[in-house]
C-alpha atoms as a PDB file:
ATOM      1  CA  MET A   1     117.609  84.047  84.588  1.00  0.00           C
ATOM      2  CA  GLU A   2     115.133  86.908  86.087  1.00  0.00           C
ATOM      3  CA  TYR A   3     115.583  89.325  88.612  1.00  0.00           C
ATOM      4  CA  ASN A   4     113.624  92.197  90.364  1.00  0.00           C
ATOM      5  CA  SER A   5     115.240  95.809  89.873  1.00  0.00           C
ATOM      6  CA  GLU A   6     112.502  97.058  92.090  1.00  0.00           C
ATOM      7  CA  TRP A   7     114.233  97.122  95.518  1.00  0.00           C
ATOM      8  CA  LYS A   8     115.053 100.631  97.308  1.00  0.00           C
ATOM      9  CA  ASP A   9     115.674  99.058 100.526  1.00  0.00           C
ATOM     10  CA  PHE A  10     117.864  96.209  99.568  1.00  0.00           C
ATOM     11  CA  GLU A  11     120.883  95.692  97.549  1.00  0.00           C
ATOM     12  CA  VAL A  12     124.198  93.200  97.243  1.00  0.00           C
ATOM     13  CA  LEU A  13     126.924  95.680  97.393  1.00  0.00           C
ATOM     14  CA  LYS A  14     130.132  92.905  96.631  1.00  0.00           C
ATOM     15  CA  THR A  15     130.910  89.546  96.345  1.00  0.00           C
ATOM     16  CA  GLY A  16     133.961  87.327  96.775  1.00  0.00           C
ATOM     17  CA  ASN A  17     135.433  84.531  98.722  1.00  0.00           C
ATOM     18  CA  GLY A  18     132.585  82.453  99.383  1.00  0.00           C
ATOM     19  CA  GLU A  19     130.638  86.007 101.165  1.00  0.00           C
ATOM     20  CA  LYS A  20     128.080  88.920  99.814  1.00  0.00           C
ATOM     21  CA  LEU A  21     127.782  91.921 101.275  1.00  0.00           C
ATOM     22  CA  GLU A  22     124.207  93.596 101.473  1.00  0.00           C
ATOM     23  CA  ARG A  23     122.619  96.580 102.173  1.00  0.00           C
ATOM     24  CA  TRP A  24     119.006  96.024 104.352  1.00  0.00           C
ATOM     25  CA  GLY A  25     117.984  99.536 104.704  1.00  0.00           C
ATOM     26  CA  ARG A  26     120.427 100.962 106.768  1.00  0.00           C
ATOM     27  CA  VAL A  27     121.769  97.952 108.140  1.00  0.00           C
ATOM     28  CA  PHE A  28     125.169  96.229 106.203  1.00  0.00           C
ATOM     29  CA  LEU A  29     125.244  92.695 106.672  1.00  0.00           C
ATOM     30  CA  LEU A  30     127.955  90.315 105.300  1.00  0.00           C
ATOM     31  CA  ARG A  31     126.971  86.351 104.618  1.00  0.00           C
ATOM     32  CA  PRO A  32     128.149  83.551 103.590  1.00  0.00           C
ATOM     33  CA  ASP A  33     127.215  82.311  99.972  1.00  0.00           C
ATOM     34  CA  PRO A  34     128.051  78.696  98.543  1.00  0.00           C
ATOM     35  CA  GLN A  35     127.393  79.855  95.096  1.00  0.00           C
ATOM     36  CA  VAL A  36     130.274  82.366  95.405  1.00  0.00           C
ATOM     37  CA  ILE A  37     133.498  80.606  94.421  1.00  0.00           C
ATOM     38  CA  TRP A  38     135.378  83.821  92.941  1.00  0.00           C
ATOM     39  CA  PRO A  39     138.034  85.613  94.538  1.00  0.00           C
ATOM     40  CA  ALA A  40     136.850  88.841  96.624  1.00  0.00           C
ATOM     41  CA  SER A  41     138.810  92.152  95.191  1.00  0.00           C
ATOM     42  CA  GLU A  42     138.995  93.452  98.641  1.00  0.00           C
ATOM     43  CA  ASP A  43     138.851  92.161 101.982  1.00  0.00           C
ATOM     44  CA  LEU A  44     134.568  92.489 102.437  1.00  0.00           C
ATOM     45  CA  SER A  45     134.880  92.206 106.406  1.00  0.00           C
ATOM     46  CA  LYS A  46     136.947  95.675 106.417  1.00  0.00           C
ATOM     47  CA  PHE A  47     133.827  97.537 105.004  1.00  0.00           C
ATOM     48  CA  LYS A  48     133.647 100.475 107.297  1.00  0.00           C
ATOM     49  CA  GLN A  49     129.780 100.552 107.495  1.00  0.00           C
ATOM     50  CA  LEU A  50     129.682  97.012 108.314  1.00  0.00           C
ATOM     51  CA  ASN A  51     126.973  95.812 111.154  1.00  0.00           C
ATOM     52  CA  ALA A  52     127.108  92.156 111.431  1.00  0.00           C
ATOM     53  CA  HIS A  53     129.151  89.335 109.929  1.00  0.00           C
ATOM     54  CA  TYR A  54     127.673  85.916 110.204  1.00  0.00           C
ATOM     55  CA  HIS A  55     130.739  83.386 110.529  1.00  0.00           C
ATOM     56  CA  ARG A  56     130.580  79.881 109.984  1.00  0.00           C
ATOM     57  CA  SER A  57     131.854  76.825 112.608  1.00  0.00           C
ATOM     58  CA  ASN A  58     133.885  74.284 111.555  1.00  0.00           C
ATOM     59  CA  GLU A  59     131.607  72.045 113.465  1.00  0.00           C
ATOM     60  CA  GLY A  60     128.767  73.026 111.313  1.00  0.00           C
ATOM     61  CA  GLY A  61     126.296  75.841 111.973  1.00  0.00           C
ATOM     62  CA  GLY A  62     127.996  79.082 112.961  1.00  0.00           C
ATOM     63  CA  GLY A  63     126.786  82.404 114.621  1.00  0.00           C
ATOM     64  CA  TRP A  64     126.727  86.853 114.184  1.00  0.00           C
ATOM     65  CA  LYS A  65     129.524  88.864 114.992  1.00  0.00           C
ATOM     66  CA  ILE A  66     128.068  92.173 115.689  1.00  0.00           C
ATOM     67  CA  LEU A  67     130.619  94.776 114.918  1.00  0.00           C
ATOM     68  CA  ARG A  68     128.575  98.250 115.040  1.00  0.00           C
ATOM     69  CA  PRO A  69     125.472  98.959 116.987  1.00  0.00           C
ATOM     70  CA  MET A  70     122.360  97.827 114.924  1.00  0.00           C
ATOM     71  CA  PRO A  71     118.498  97.100 115.914  1.00  0.00           C
ATOM     72  CA  ASP A  72     117.523  93.924 117.092  1.00  0.00           C
ATOM     73  CA  GLU A  73     115.022  93.851 114.075  1.00  0.00           C
ATOM     74  CA  TRP A  74     114.039  96.577 111.520  1.00  0.00           C
ATOM     75  CA  GLN A  75     111.965  96.905 108.486  1.00  0.00           C
ATOM     76  CA  ILE A  76     112.617  96.674 104.305  1.00  0.00           C
ATOM     77  CA  SER A  77     109.886  97.442 101.937  1.00  0.00           C
ATOM     78  CA  TRP A  78     109.262  96.419  98.356  1.00  0.00           C
ATOM     79  CA  ARG A  79     106.490  98.132  96.354  1.00  0.00           C
ATOM     80  CA  ASN A  80     103.768  98.579  99.071  1.00  0.00           C
ATOM     81  CA  LEU A  81     104.529  95.693 101.062  1.00  0.00           C
ATOM     82  CA  THR A  82     106.745  95.859 104.434  1.00  0.00           C
ATOM     83  CA  PHE A  83     108.574  92.968 105.708  1.00  0.00           C
ATOM     84  CA  LYS A  84     110.420  92.662 109.441  1.00  0.00           C
ATOM     85  CA  VAL A  85     113.821  91.445 109.332  1.00  0.00           C
ATOM     86  CA  LYS A  86     116.295  90.370 111.765  1.00  0.00           C
ATOM     87  CA  PRO A  87     119.719  88.440 111.976  1.00  0.00           C
ATOM     88  CA  MET A  88     119.146  84.759 112.620  1.00  0.00           C
ATOM     89  CA  GLY A  89     119.892  81.267 112.751  1.00  0.00           C
ATOM     90  CA  PHE A  90     122.201  79.725 109.809  1.00  0.00           C
ATOM     91  CA  LYS A  91     122.721  83.039 108.321  1.00  0.00           C
ATOM     92  CA  HIS A  92     119.557  84.167 107.725  1.00  0.00           C
ATOM     93  CA  THR A  93     117.551  87.237 108.152  1.00  0.00           C
ATOM     94  CA  GLY A  94     113.660  86.286 107.448  1.00  0.00           C
ATOM     95  CA  LEU A  95     113.283  87.419 103.896  1.00  0.00           C
ATOM     96  CA  PHE A  96     114.518  86.095 100.631  1.00  0.00           C
ATOM     97  CA  PRO A  97     114.790  89.327  98.147  1.00  0.00           C
ATOM     98  CA  GLU A  98     115.389  87.274  95.301  1.00  0.00           C
ATOM     99  CA  GLN A  99     111.860  86.133  95.507  1.00  0.00           C
ATOM    100  CA  ALA A 100     110.552  89.439  94.545  1.00  0.00           C
ATOM    101  CA  VAL A 101     110.817  87.689  91.030  1.00  0.00           C
ATOM    102  CA  ASN A 102     108.228  85.634  92.089  1.00  0.00           C
ATOM    103  CA  TRP A 103     105.883  88.229  93.913  1.00  0.00           C
ATOM    104  CA  ALA A 104     105.360  90.453  90.452  1.00  0.00           C
ATOM    105  CA  LYS A 105     104.008  87.247  88.341  1.00  0.00           C
ATOM    106  CA  LEU A 106     101.831  86.363  91.384  1.00  0.00           C
ATOM    107  CA  ILE A 107     100.350  89.114  92.177  1.00  0.00           C
ATOM    108  CA  GLU A 108     100.309  90.092  87.976  1.00  0.00           C
ATOM    109  CA  LEU A 109      98.424  86.678  87.544  1.00  0.00           C
ATOM    110  CA  ILE A 110      95.764  87.107  90.590  1.00  0.00           C
ATOM    111  CA  GLU A 111      95.133  90.732  89.679  1.00  0.00           C
ATOM    112  CA  ASN A 112      94.516  89.924  85.687  1.00  0.00           C
ATOM    113  CA  ALA A 113      92.268  87.002  86.404  1.00  0.00           C
ATOM    114  CA  ASN A 114      89.466  89.001  87.714  1.00  0.00           C
ATOM    115  CA  ARG A 115      87.899  86.529  89.798  1.00  0.00           C
ATOM    116  CA  PRO A 116      88.100  85.522  93.326  1.00  0.00           C
ATOM    117  CA  ILE A 117      91.415  83.558  93.845  1.00  0.00           C
ATOM    118  CA  SER A 118      92.388  80.973  96.521  1.00  0.00           C
ATOM    119  CA  VAL A 119      96.177  80.499  97.029  1.00  0.00           C
ATOM    120  CA  LEU A 120      97.750  77.603  99.022  1.00  0.00           C
ATOM    121  CA  ASN A 121     100.986  78.352 100.184  1.00  0.00           C
ATOM    122  CA  LEU A 122     103.056  75.661 101.439  1.00  0.00           C
ATOM    123  CA  PHE A 123     106.219  75.690 103.422  1.00  0.00           C
ATOM    124  CA  GLY A 124     105.723  79.568 103.480  1.00  0.00           C
ATOM    125  CA  TYR A 125     108.198  80.438 105.992  1.00  0.00           C
ATOM    126  CA  THR A 126     107.572  84.289 106.947  1.00  0.00           C
ATOM    127  CA  GLY A 127     105.084  84.804 104.014  1.00  0.00           C
ATOM    128  CA  GLY A 128     106.486  86.985 101.553  1.00  0.00           C
ATOM    129  CA  ALA A 129     104.734  85.211  98.873  1.00  0.00           C
ATOM    130  CA  THR A 130     101.722  85.089 101.486  1.00  0.00           C
ATOM    131  CA  VAL A 131     101.723  89.084 101.800  1.00  0.00           C
ATOM    132  CA  ALA A 132     102.246  89.408  98.015  1.00  0.00           C
ATOM    133  CA  CYS A 133      98.981  87.601  96.956  1.00  0.00           C
ATOM    134  CA  ALA A 134      97.066  88.944  99.440  1.00  0.00           C
ATOM    135  CA  SER A 135      97.836  92.281  98.201  1.00  0.00           C
ATOM    136  CA  ALA A 136      96.628  91.453  95.255  1.00  0.00           C
ATOM    137  CA  GLY A 137      93.382  90.293  96.563  1.00  0.00           C
ATOM    138  CA  ALA A 138      93.702  86.765  96.972  1.00  0.00           C
ATOM    139  CA  SER A 139      92.399  84.867  99.934  1.00  0.00           C
ATOM    140  CA  VAL A 140      95.812  82.603 101.391  1.00  0.00           C
ATOM    141  CA  CYS A 141      96.262  79.448 103.588  1.00  0.00           C
ATOM    142  CA  HIS A 142      99.813  80.031 104.919  1.00  0.00           C
ATOM    143  CA  VAL A 143     101.265  76.620 105.893  1.00  0.00           C
ATOM    144  CA  ASP A 144     104.185  76.020 107.900  1.00  0.00           C
ATOM    145  CA  SER A 145     105.472  73.756 110.564  1.00  0.00           C
ATOM    146  CA  ALA A 146     107.471  76.589 112.413  1.00  0.00           C
ATOM    147  CA  LYS A 147     105.264  78.509 114.894  1.00  0.00           C
ATOM    148  CA  ALA A 148     107.517  81.283 114.909  1.00  0.00           C
ATOM    149  CA  MET A 149     107.750  81.632 111.401  1.00  0.00           C
ATOM    150  CA  VAL A 150     103.991  81.570 110.499  1.00  0.00           C
ATOM    151  CA  GLU A 151     103.830  84.371 113.989  1.00  0.00           C
ATOM    152  CA  ARG A 152     106.304  86.514 111.498  1.00  0.00           C
ATOM    153  CA  CYS A 153     104.002  86.351 108.807  1.00  0.00           C
ATOM    154  CA  LYS A 154     100.819  87.123 110.654  1.00  0.00           C
ATOM    155  CA  GLU A 155     103.401  90.261 111.717  1.00  0.00           C
ATOM    156  CA  ASN A 156     104.609  90.923 107.772  1.00  0.00           C
ATOM    157  CA  ILE A 157     100.614  90.942 106.578  1.00  0.00           C
ATOM    158  CA  GLU A 158     100.035  93.758 109.364  1.00  0.00           C
ATOM    159  CA  LEU A 159     103.080  95.551 108.611  1.00  0.00           C
ATOM    160  CA  SER A 160     101.774  95.560 105.030  1.00  0.00           C
ATOM    161  CA  GLY A 161      98.531  97.108 105.853  1.00  0.00           C
ATOM    162  CA  LEU A 162      96.852  94.037 105.150  1.00  0.00           C
ATOM    163  CA  LYS A 163      95.131  92.965 108.317  1.00  0.00           C
ATOM    164  CA  ASP A 164      91.735  92.540 107.110  1.00  0.00           C
ATOM    165  CA  ALA A 165      92.866  90.281 104.348  1.00  0.00           C
ATOM    166  CA  GLN A 166      91.764  86.968 104.069  1.00  0.00           C
ATOM    167  CA  VAL A 167      94.519  84.280 105.312  1.00  0.00           C
ATOM    168  CA  ARG A 168      94.574  81.600 107.300  1.00  0.00           C
ATOM    169  CA  TYR A 169      97.392  80.615 109.357  1.00  0.00           C
ATOM    170  CA  ILE A 170      98.555  76.790 109.838  1.00  0.00           C
ATOM    171  CA  VAL A 171     101.229  75.365 111.947  1.00  0.00           C
ATOM    172  CA  ASP A 172     101.502  71.703 110.427  1.00  0.00           C
ATOM    173  CA  ASP A 173     103.459  69.276 108.486  1.00  0.00           C
ATOM    174  CA  CYS A 174     102.729  70.512 104.908  1.00  0.00           C
ATOM    175  CA  ARG A 175     102.022  66.835 103.560  1.00  0.00           C
ATOM    176  CA  LYS A 176      99.766  65.809 106.647  1.00  0.00           C
ATOM    177  CA  PHE A 177      97.991  69.068 105.909  1.00  0.00           C
ATOM    178  CA  VAL A 178      97.833  68.093 102.343  1.00  0.00           C
ATOM    179  CA  LEU A 179      96.513  64.669 102.827  1.00  0.00           C
ATOM    180  CA  ARG A 180      93.714  66.229 105.376  1.00  0.00           C
ATOM    181  CA  GLU A 181      92.623  68.721 103.263  1.00  0.00           C
ATOM    182  CA  ILE A 182      92.288  66.332 100.281  1.00  0.00           C
ATOM    183  CA  LYS A 183      89.827  64.009 102.620  1.00  0.00           C
ATOM    184  CA  ARG A 184      87.837  67.209 103.228  1.00  0.00           C
ATOM    185  CA  GLY A 185      87.631  67.728  99.838  1.00  0.00           C
ATOM    186  CA  LYS A 186      89.011  71.146  99.616  1.00  0.00           C
ATOM    187  CA  LYS A 187      90.140  72.990  96.524  1.00  0.00           C
ATOM    188  CA  TYR A 188      92.418  75.785  95.632  1.00  0.00           C
ATOM    189  CA  ASP A 189      92.764  77.852  92.299  1.00  0.00           C
ATOM    190  CA  ALA A 190      96.556  78.492  93.104  1.00  0.00           C
ATOM    191  CA  ILE A 191      99.457  76.430  94.904  1.00  0.00           C
ATOM    192  CA  ILE A 192     102.891  77.646  95.852  1.00  0.00           C
ATOM    193  CA  MET A 193     105.836  75.476  97.269  1.00  0.00           C
ATOM    194  CA  ASP A 194     109.064  76.506  98.615  1.00  0.00           C
ATOM    195  CA  PRO A 195     110.020  72.786  99.988  1.00  0.00           C
ATOM    196  CA  PRO A 196     113.253  71.940 101.906  1.00  0.00           C
ATOM    197  CA  SER A 197     116.243  70.063 100.654  1.00  0.00           C
ATOM    198  CA  TYR A 198     116.089  67.456 103.723  1.00  0.00           C
ATOM    199  CA  GLY A 199     113.973  67.415 106.814  1.00  0.00           C
ATOM    200  CA  ARG A 200     112.195  65.021 109.573  1.00  0.00           C
ATOM    201  CA  GLY A 201     108.506  65.055 110.788  1.00  0.00           C
ATOM    202  CA  THR A 202     107.283  64.578 113.909  1.00  0.00           C
ATOM    203  CA  ASN A 203     107.041  60.785 113.898  1.00  0.00           C
ATOM    204  CA  GLY A 204     110.759  60.559 112.571  1.00  0.00           C
ATOM    205  CA  GLU A 205     109.601  60.816 108.808  1.00  0.00           C
ATOM    206  CA  VAL A 206     112.330  61.281 106.446  1.00  0.00           C
ATOM    207  CA  TRP A 207     112.047  64.180 103.505  1.00  0.00           C
ATOM    208  CA  LYS A 208     114.602  64.001 100.846  1.00  0.00           C
ATOM    209  CA  LEU A 209     113.653  66.597  98.004  1.00  0.00           C
ATOM    210  CA  GLU A 210     114.994  64.660  95.148  1.00  0.00           C
ATOM    211  CA  ASP A 211     113.335  61.538  96.474  1.00  0.00           C
ATOM    212  CA  ASN A 212     109.732  62.798  97.557  1.00  0.00           C
ATOM    213  CA  LEU A 213     109.394  66.106  95.466  1.00  0.00           C
ATOM    214  CA  PHE A 214     107.525  64.395  92.696  1.00  0.00           C
ATOM    215  CA  GLU A 215     105.177  62.520  94.604  1.00  0.00           C
ATOM    216  CA  PHE A 216     104.275  65.682  96.691  1.00  0.00           C
ATOM    217  CA  VAL A 217     103.532  67.765  93.766  1.00  0.00           C
ATOM    218  CA  LYS A 218     101.350  65.158  92.590  1.00  0.00           C
ATOM    219  CA  LEU A 219      99.244  65.001  95.758  1.00  0.00           C
ATOM    220  CA  CYS A 220      99.041  68.627  95.824  1.00  0.00           C
ATOM    221  CA  GLY A 221      97.568  68.638  92.207  1.00  0.00           C
ATOM    222  CA  GLU A 222      94.545  67.210  93.717  1.00  0.00           C
ATOM    223  CA  LEU A 223      93.606  70.163  95.740  1.00  0.00           C
ATOM    224  CA  LEU A 224      93.639  72.323  91.954  1.00  0.00           C
ATOM    225  CA  SER A 225      90.364  73.545  91.516  1.00  0.00           C
ATOM    226  CA  ASP A 226      88.536  73.052  88.301  1.00  0.00           C
ATOM    227  CA  ASN A 227      89.346  76.420  86.692  1.00  0.00           C
ATOM    228  CA  PRO A 228      93.020  76.838  88.173  1.00  0.00           C
ATOM    229  CA  LEU A 229      95.199  79.439  87.839  1.00  0.00           C
ATOM    230  CA  PHE A 230      98.754  78.727  88.630  1.00  0.00           C
ATOM    231  CA  VAL A 231     101.247  76.362  90.380  1.00  0.00           C
ATOM    232  CA  LEU A 232     104.443  77.549  91.912  1.00  0.00           C
ATOM    233  CA  ILE A 233     107.238  75.598  92.766  1.00  0.00           C
ATOM    234  CA  ASN A 234     110.685  77.108  94.485  1.00  0.00           C
ATOM    235  CA  SER A 235     113.988  75.698  95.289  1.00  0.00           C
ATOM    236  CA  TYR A 236     117.290  76.397  96.839  1.00  0.00           C
ATOM    237  CA  THR A 237     118.547  72.831  96.648  1.00  0.00           C
ATOM    238  CA  THR A 238     121.806  72.571  94.574  1.00  0.00           C
ATOM    239  CA  GLY A 239     121.548  70.848  91.514  1.00  0.00           C
ATOM    240  CA  LEU A 240     118.210  70.500  91.544  1.00  0.00           C
ATOM    241  CA  GLY A 241     117.612  72.836  88.134  1.00  0.00           C
ATOM    242  CA  CYS A 242     114.786  74.558  86.973  1.00  0.00           C
ATOM    243  CA  THR A 243     114.394  72.568  84.151  1.00  0.00           C
ATOM    244  CA  VAL A 244     113.988  69.934  86.470  1.00  0.00           C
ATOM    245  CA  MET A 245     111.157  71.677  88.485  1.00  0.00           C
ATOM    246  CA  GLU A 246     109.553  72.197  84.986  1.00  0.00           C
ATOM    247  CA  ASN A 247     109.711  68.536  84.039  1.00  0.00           C
ATOM    248  CA  VAL A 248     107.873  67.604  87.412  1.00  0.00           C
ATOM    249  CA  LEU A 249     105.131  70.009  86.848  1.00  0.00           C
ATOM    250  CA  GLU A 250     104.560  68.845  83.402  1.00  0.00           C
ATOM    251  CA  PHE A 251     104.568  64.661  84.798  1.00  0.00           C
ATOM    252  CA  ALA A 252     102.882  65.420  88.206  1.00  0.00           C
ATOM    253  CA  ILE A 253      99.845  67.776  87.243  1.00  0.00           C
ATOM    254  CA  ALA A 254      97.291  65.789  85.402  1.00  0.00           C
ATOM    255  CA  LYS A 255      96.040  69.554  84.247  1.00  0.00           C
ATOM    256  CA  LYS A 256      98.018  71.469  81.566  1.00  0.00           C
ATOM    257  CA  GLY A 257      98.840  74.493  81.227  1.00  0.00           C
ATOM    258  CA  VAL A 258     101.678  77.104  80.171  1.00  0.00           C
ATOM    259  CA  LYS A 259     105.372  76.185  81.728  1.00  0.00           C
ATOM    260  CA  GLU A 260     108.272  78.653  82.596  1.00  0.00           C
ATOM    261  CA  SER A 261     111.174  77.778  84.833  1.00  0.00           C
ATOM    262  CA  TYR A 262     113.861  80.451  85.525  1.00  0.00           C
ATOM    263  CA  GLU A 263     117.089  80.804  87.711  1.00  0.00           C
ATOM    264  CA  LEU A 264     116.366  83.614  90.590  1.00  0.00           C
ATOM    265  CA  CYS A 265     119.344  86.071  90.765  1.00  0.00           C
ATOM    266  CA  LEU A 266     120.271  89.336  92.546  1.00  0.00           C
ATOM    267  CA  PRO A 267     122.028  92.275  90.759  1.00  0.00           C
ATOM    268  CA  VAL A 268     125.197  93.078  92.261  1.00  0.00           C
ATOM    269  CA  SER A 269     126.466  96.599  92.149  1.00  0.00           C
ATOM    270  CA  ASP A 270     129.252  96.063  89.835  1.00  0.00           C
ATOM    271  CA  GLY A 271     127.123  94.423  87.274  1.00  0.00           C
ATOM    272  CA  THR A 272     127.448  90.905  87.898  1.00  0.00           C
ATOM    273  CA  PHE A 273     124.266  88.651  88.994  1.00  0.00           C
ATOM    274  CA  LEU A 274     124.573  86.430  92.256  1.00  0.00           C
ATOM    275  CA  PRO A 275     122.119  83.759  91.517  1.00  0.00           C
ATOM    276  CA  CYS A 276     120.245  82.701  94.269  1.00  0.00           C
ATOM    277  CA  GLY A 277     117.681  79.877  93.664  1.00  0.00           C
ATOM    278  CA  ASN A 278     115.219  78.213  91.180  1.00  0.00           C
ATOM    279  CA  SER A 279     111.829  78.447  90.231  1.00  0.00           C
ATOM    280  CA  ALA A 280     108.828  76.558  87.749  1.00  0.00           C
ATOM    281  CA  LEU A 281     105.879  78.223  87.174  1.00  0.00           C
ATOM    282  CA  LEU A 282     102.757  76.143  85.476  1.00  0.00           C
ATOM    283  CA  THR A 283     100.280  78.850  84.688  1.00  0.00           C
ATOM    284  CA  PHE A 284      96.390  77.885  83.388  1.00  0.00           C
ATOM    285  CA  GLY A 285      94.319  79.899  80.578  1.00  0.00           C
ATOM    286  CA  LYS A 286      97.180  82.071  80.198  1.00  0.00           C
ATOM    287  CA  THR A 287     100.194  82.844  77.792  1.00  0.00           C
ATOM    288  CA  LYS A 288     103.643  83.146  80.079  1.00  0.00           C
ATOM    289  CA  SER A 289     103.487  86.015  82.360  1.00  0.00           C
ATOM    290  CA  LYS A 290     105.529  89.147  81.789  1.00  0.00           C
ATOM    291  CA  LYS A 291     109.094  89.462  83.038  1.00  0.00           C
END
């Protein structure tokens, strides 16, 4: 279990009955969380400062119920980085605060490399890892199939004062992009990926994480430079444990390095911890990164 304690603009206040009460800057949100299988000590929806509550629909999906005035979107910061957040579809806000664990590790690895580092961030979403790597001086290729998410990454880069950073923005299917990069002979010193549990390509191709992850990681291994720095896999798929992903790195990447895997968590104000996903990190020429 690992968590990052540097957040000032975000915190989990309470959990229970399948929901989590969070503070995002000055905005308070109540969102469902499938990991919260314990009862609440009180009705979290009655929290006096609650701005919005995401309700799941019996037919699937759901929607936000606005309870108190709040901005359409706002900014929160971690260290010297700034991100734009807003209530989005499927209960999301455009940022996963638990990923600060990985941001800290990647920044440390890049800064300690003492050489130019090129990073490929696949399924990059709104660019938390892209912003972190760029802040450490790396050049980053950010790839996501959703144009709106790539545009939000650009905004986060600019909000963090990194508009002059070397960031390449690509709207594309990640597998197709990787195949083209291999044909072009492109190489990267580091690869990050946060693949979805399930998805469909533009031509009806089916992506199922447990069926496709190994071959995809193996394919990405062909893009690693002769002097690689790291490969990071992150997943929110229930049942795909961190040790499984560590084993995938062991068997899929020809280059050998130091592996570590861990459950990402967020501290809750009552002293408990909320599990939020799993990560596996493979580093080269280094010992395990500091926690």
